[in-house]
N, C-alpha and C. Protein backbone atom coordinates (compact mmCIF):
# COMPACT_ATOMS: atom_id res chain seq x y z
N MET A 1 -73.47 -198.46 -152.30
CA MET A 1 -71.95 -197.40 -152.34
C MET A 1 -72.24 -196.54 -153.86
N PRO A 2 -72.44 -194.94 -153.60
CA PRO A 2 -72.27 -194.84 -155.01
C PRO A 2 -71.47 -194.82 -155.59
N ARG A 3 -71.46 -194.58 -157.08
CA ARG A 3 -69.96 -195.08 -157.81
C ARG A 3 -69.72 -194.36 -158.64
N LYS A 4 -68.33 -193.51 -157.95
CA LYS A 4 -68.43 -192.28 -159.23
C LYS A 4 -67.35 -192.82 -160.85
N ASN A 5 -67.60 -193.45 -161.16
CA ASN A 5 -66.97 -194.65 -162.47
C ASN A 5 -68.50 -194.49 -163.29
N ASN A 6 -67.88 -194.73 -164.74
CA ASN A 6 -69.12 -195.24 -165.37
C ASN A 6 -69.39 -197.18 -165.82
N ALA A 7 -68.69 -197.58 -164.80
CA ALA A 7 -68.75 -199.05 -165.00
C ALA A 7 -70.16 -199.50 -164.37
N LYS A 8 -70.58 -200.32 -165.39
CA LYS A 8 -72.32 -200.38 -165.03
C LYS A 8 -71.93 -201.95 -164.54
N ASN A 9 -70.70 -202.78 -164.34
CA ASN A 9 -70.93 -203.99 -163.94
C ASN A 9 -69.60 -204.75 -163.71
N TYR A 10 -69.20 -205.91 -163.00
CA TYR A 10 -67.90 -205.57 -162.42
C TYR A 10 -67.25 -206.39 -163.56
N GLU A 11 -67.43 -206.89 -164.78
CA GLU A 11 -66.70 -206.83 -166.29
C GLU A 11 -65.75 -205.53 -166.63
N GLU A 12 -66.97 -204.24 -166.72
CA GLU A 12 -67.16 -203.36 -167.02
C GLU A 12 -65.78 -202.33 -166.12
N ALA A 13 -66.07 -202.31 -164.94
CA ALA A 13 -64.97 -202.26 -163.71
C ALA A 13 -63.74 -202.72 -163.76
N ILE A 14 -63.41 -203.90 -164.52
CA ILE A 14 -61.94 -204.43 -164.33
C ILE A 14 -61.97 -203.64 -165.57
N ALA A 15 -62.02 -204.14 -166.86
CA ALA A 15 -61.57 -203.47 -168.08
C ALA A 15 -61.24 -202.04 -167.67
N ALA A 16 -62.30 -201.13 -167.07
CA ALA A 16 -61.28 -199.59 -166.86
C ALA A 16 -60.48 -199.47 -165.96
N LEU A 17 -60.53 -201.01 -164.65
CA LEU A 17 -58.90 -200.65 -164.31
C LEU A 17 -57.96 -201.14 -164.93
N GLN A 18 -57.55 -202.17 -165.82
CA GLN A 18 -56.58 -202.78 -166.79
C GLN A 18 -56.81 -201.56 -167.39
N GLU A 19 -57.25 -200.70 -168.69
CA GLU A 19 -56.74 -199.59 -168.79
C GLU A 19 -55.87 -198.32 -168.09
N ILE A 20 -56.76 -198.47 -166.93
CA ILE A 20 -55.44 -197.45 -165.77
C ILE A 20 -54.24 -197.89 -165.88
N LEU A 21 -54.28 -199.10 -165.72
CA LEU A 21 -53.20 -199.69 -165.01
C LEU A 21 -51.79 -199.49 -166.90
N LYS A 22 -53.08 -200.04 -168.42
CA LYS A 22 -52.08 -199.46 -169.13
C LYS A 22 -51.27 -198.41 -169.25
N GLN A 23 -52.24 -197.49 -168.77
CA GLN A 23 -51.86 -196.18 -168.78
C GLN A 23 -50.70 -195.54 -168.04
N VAL A 24 -50.95 -195.84 -166.73
CA VAL A 24 -49.65 -196.34 -165.98
C VAL A 24 -48.05 -196.46 -166.79
N GLU A 25 -48.26 -197.70 -166.93
CA GLU A 25 -47.16 -198.39 -167.08
C GLU A 25 -46.76 -198.02 -168.61
N ASN A 26 -47.39 -196.98 -169.25
CA ASN A 26 -46.93 -196.70 -170.68
C ASN A 26 -46.15 -195.32 -170.51
N ASN A 27 -46.67 -194.71 -169.00
CA ASN A 27 -46.08 -193.29 -168.64
C ASN A 27 -47.25 -192.44 -169.80
N GLU A 28 -48.24 -192.76 -169.39
CA GLU A 28 -48.92 -192.15 -171.13
C GLU A 28 -49.93 -190.56 -170.37
N LEU A 29 -49.70 -190.99 -168.68
CA LEU A 29 -50.57 -189.76 -167.75
C LEU A 29 -49.82 -188.43 -167.25
N GLY A 30 -49.75 -187.53 -167.62
CA GLY A 30 -49.24 -186.52 -166.65
C GLY A 30 -49.74 -186.39 -165.11
N ILE A 31 -49.06 -185.43 -164.18
CA ILE A 31 -49.17 -186.33 -162.44
C ILE A 31 -50.43 -185.43 -162.16
N ASP A 32 -51.18 -184.66 -162.72
CA ASP A 32 -52.58 -184.48 -162.89
C ASP A 32 -53.09 -185.35 -163.28
N GLN A 33 -53.11 -185.95 -164.50
CA GLN A 33 -53.63 -186.89 -164.73
C GLN A 33 -53.40 -188.21 -164.17
N LEU A 34 -52.23 -188.16 -163.51
CA LEU A 34 -52.25 -189.71 -162.68
C LEU A 34 -52.94 -189.51 -160.99
N ALA A 35 -52.89 -188.68 -160.65
CA ALA A 35 -53.85 -188.29 -159.64
C ALA A 35 -55.42 -188.23 -159.53
N GLU A 36 -55.82 -188.15 -160.60
CA GLU A 36 -57.41 -188.67 -160.64
C GLU A 36 -57.65 -190.05 -161.48
N LYS A 37 -56.55 -190.55 -161.91
CA LYS A 37 -56.46 -192.35 -162.41
C LYS A 37 -56.88 -192.69 -161.19
N LEU A 38 -55.89 -192.35 -160.25
CA LEU A 38 -55.55 -192.79 -159.08
C LEU A 38 -56.69 -193.21 -158.09
N LYS A 39 -57.55 -192.35 -158.17
CA LYS A 39 -58.82 -192.01 -157.50
C LYS A 39 -59.91 -192.56 -157.92
N GLU A 40 -59.92 -192.69 -159.31
CA GLU A 40 -60.82 -193.57 -159.96
C GLU A 40 -60.41 -195.02 -160.27
N ALA A 41 -59.61 -195.38 -160.23
CA ALA A 41 -58.72 -196.85 -159.84
C ALA A 41 -59.44 -197.27 -157.99
N LYS A 42 -59.49 -196.19 -157.07
CA LYS A 42 -59.46 -196.63 -155.93
C LYS A 42 -61.08 -196.84 -155.68
N THR A 43 -61.97 -195.91 -156.51
CA THR A 43 -63.29 -196.02 -156.76
C THR A 43 -63.89 -197.99 -156.73
N LEU A 44 -62.92 -198.12 -158.63
CA LEU A 44 -63.31 -199.05 -159.07
C LEU A 44 -62.98 -200.54 -158.06
N ILE A 45 -61.45 -200.03 -157.15
CA ILE A 45 -61.54 -201.49 -156.43
C ILE A 45 -62.05 -201.65 -155.61
N ALA A 46 -63.03 -200.76 -155.27
CA ALA A 46 -63.81 -200.73 -154.00
C ALA A 46 -65.36 -201.15 -154.52
N TYR A 47 -66.10 -201.36 -155.25
CA TYR A 47 -66.55 -201.42 -155.90
C TYR A 47 -66.62 -203.24 -156.29
N CYS A 48 -65.54 -203.30 -157.26
CA CYS A 48 -65.00 -204.64 -157.10
C CYS A 48 -65.06 -205.39 -156.13
N LYS A 49 -64.32 -204.93 -155.01
CA LYS A 49 -64.61 -205.85 -153.76
C LYS A 49 -65.92 -206.08 -153.45
N GLU A 50 -66.22 -205.13 -152.99
CA GLU A 50 -68.16 -205.05 -152.86
C GLU A 50 -68.65 -206.14 -153.80
N LYS A 51 -68.54 -206.23 -154.63
CA LYS A 51 -69.35 -206.89 -156.07
C LYS A 51 -68.89 -208.59 -155.14
N LEU A 52 -67.44 -208.41 -155.13
CA LEU A 52 -66.72 -209.79 -154.98
C LEU A 52 -67.70 -210.78 -153.85
N TYR A 53 -67.57 -209.57 -152.51
CA TYR A 53 -68.26 -209.93 -151.04
C TYR A 53 -69.49 -210.46 -151.95
N HIS A 54 -70.37 -209.29 -152.09
CA HIS A 54 -71.83 -210.29 -152.48
C HIS A 54 -72.22 -211.27 -152.60
N THR A 55 -71.27 -211.40 -154.05
CA THR A 55 -71.18 -212.84 -154.80
C THR A 55 -71.23 -214.05 -154.24
N ASP A 56 -69.95 -213.62 -153.08
CA ASP A 56 -69.65 -214.93 -152.46
C ASP A 56 -70.73 -215.35 -151.17
N GLU A 57 -71.56 -214.41 -151.00
CA GLU A 57 -72.40 -214.48 -149.83
C GLU A 57 -73.92 -215.30 -150.65
N GLU A 58 -73.85 -214.68 -151.51
CA GLU A 58 -74.84 -215.34 -152.53
C GLU A 58 -74.69 -216.58 -153.21
N ILE A 59 -73.86 -217.04 -153.27
CA ILE A 59 -73.71 -218.50 -153.33
C ILE A 59 -73.66 -219.35 -151.97
N ARG A 60 -72.61 -218.91 -151.03
CA ARG A 60 -72.83 -219.90 -149.84
C ARG A 60 -73.87 -220.16 -149.46
N LYS A 61 -74.97 -218.83 -149.69
CA LYS A 61 -76.65 -219.18 -149.41
C LYS A 61 -76.99 -220.02 -149.94
N ILE A 62 -77.01 -220.06 -151.28
CA ILE A 62 -77.52 -221.52 -152.33
C ILE A 62 -76.98 -222.33 -151.81
N LEU A 63 -75.27 -222.52 -151.83
CA LEU A 63 -75.11 -223.91 -151.18
C LEU A 63 -75.69 -224.13 -149.72
N ASP A 64 -75.76 -223.31 -149.14
CA ASP A 64 -76.48 -224.12 -148.12
C ASP A 64 -77.48 -223.96 -147.95
N SER A 65 -78.55 -223.40 -148.53
CA SER A 65 -79.97 -223.98 -148.71
C SER A 65 -79.97 -225.25 -149.62
N GLU A 66 -79.11 -225.49 -150.79
CA GLU A 66 -78.96 -227.20 -150.88
C GLU A 66 -79.01 -228.50 -150.23
N GLU A 67 -77.64 -228.07 -148.97
CA GLU A 67 -77.29 -228.83 -148.05
C GLU A 67 -78.47 -229.64 -147.25
N LYS A 68 -79.44 -228.43 -147.03
CA LYS A 68 -80.93 -229.27 -145.95
C LYS A 68 -81.27 -229.79 -146.55
């Protein structure tokens, strides 16, 4: 999945989401900025979900191979 954000890994994506949340909660964004930040947050969330899914699959494979 092509990313439109600068996050290089899960931790950076979470940090970026936390920053967006802080800006929203503190009313630091104008209406135009808000729309752009929400689009960015949507992309970041999709990236995090995908990363968690793939990590979960890897862990399951590792655990399954140890049981055999």
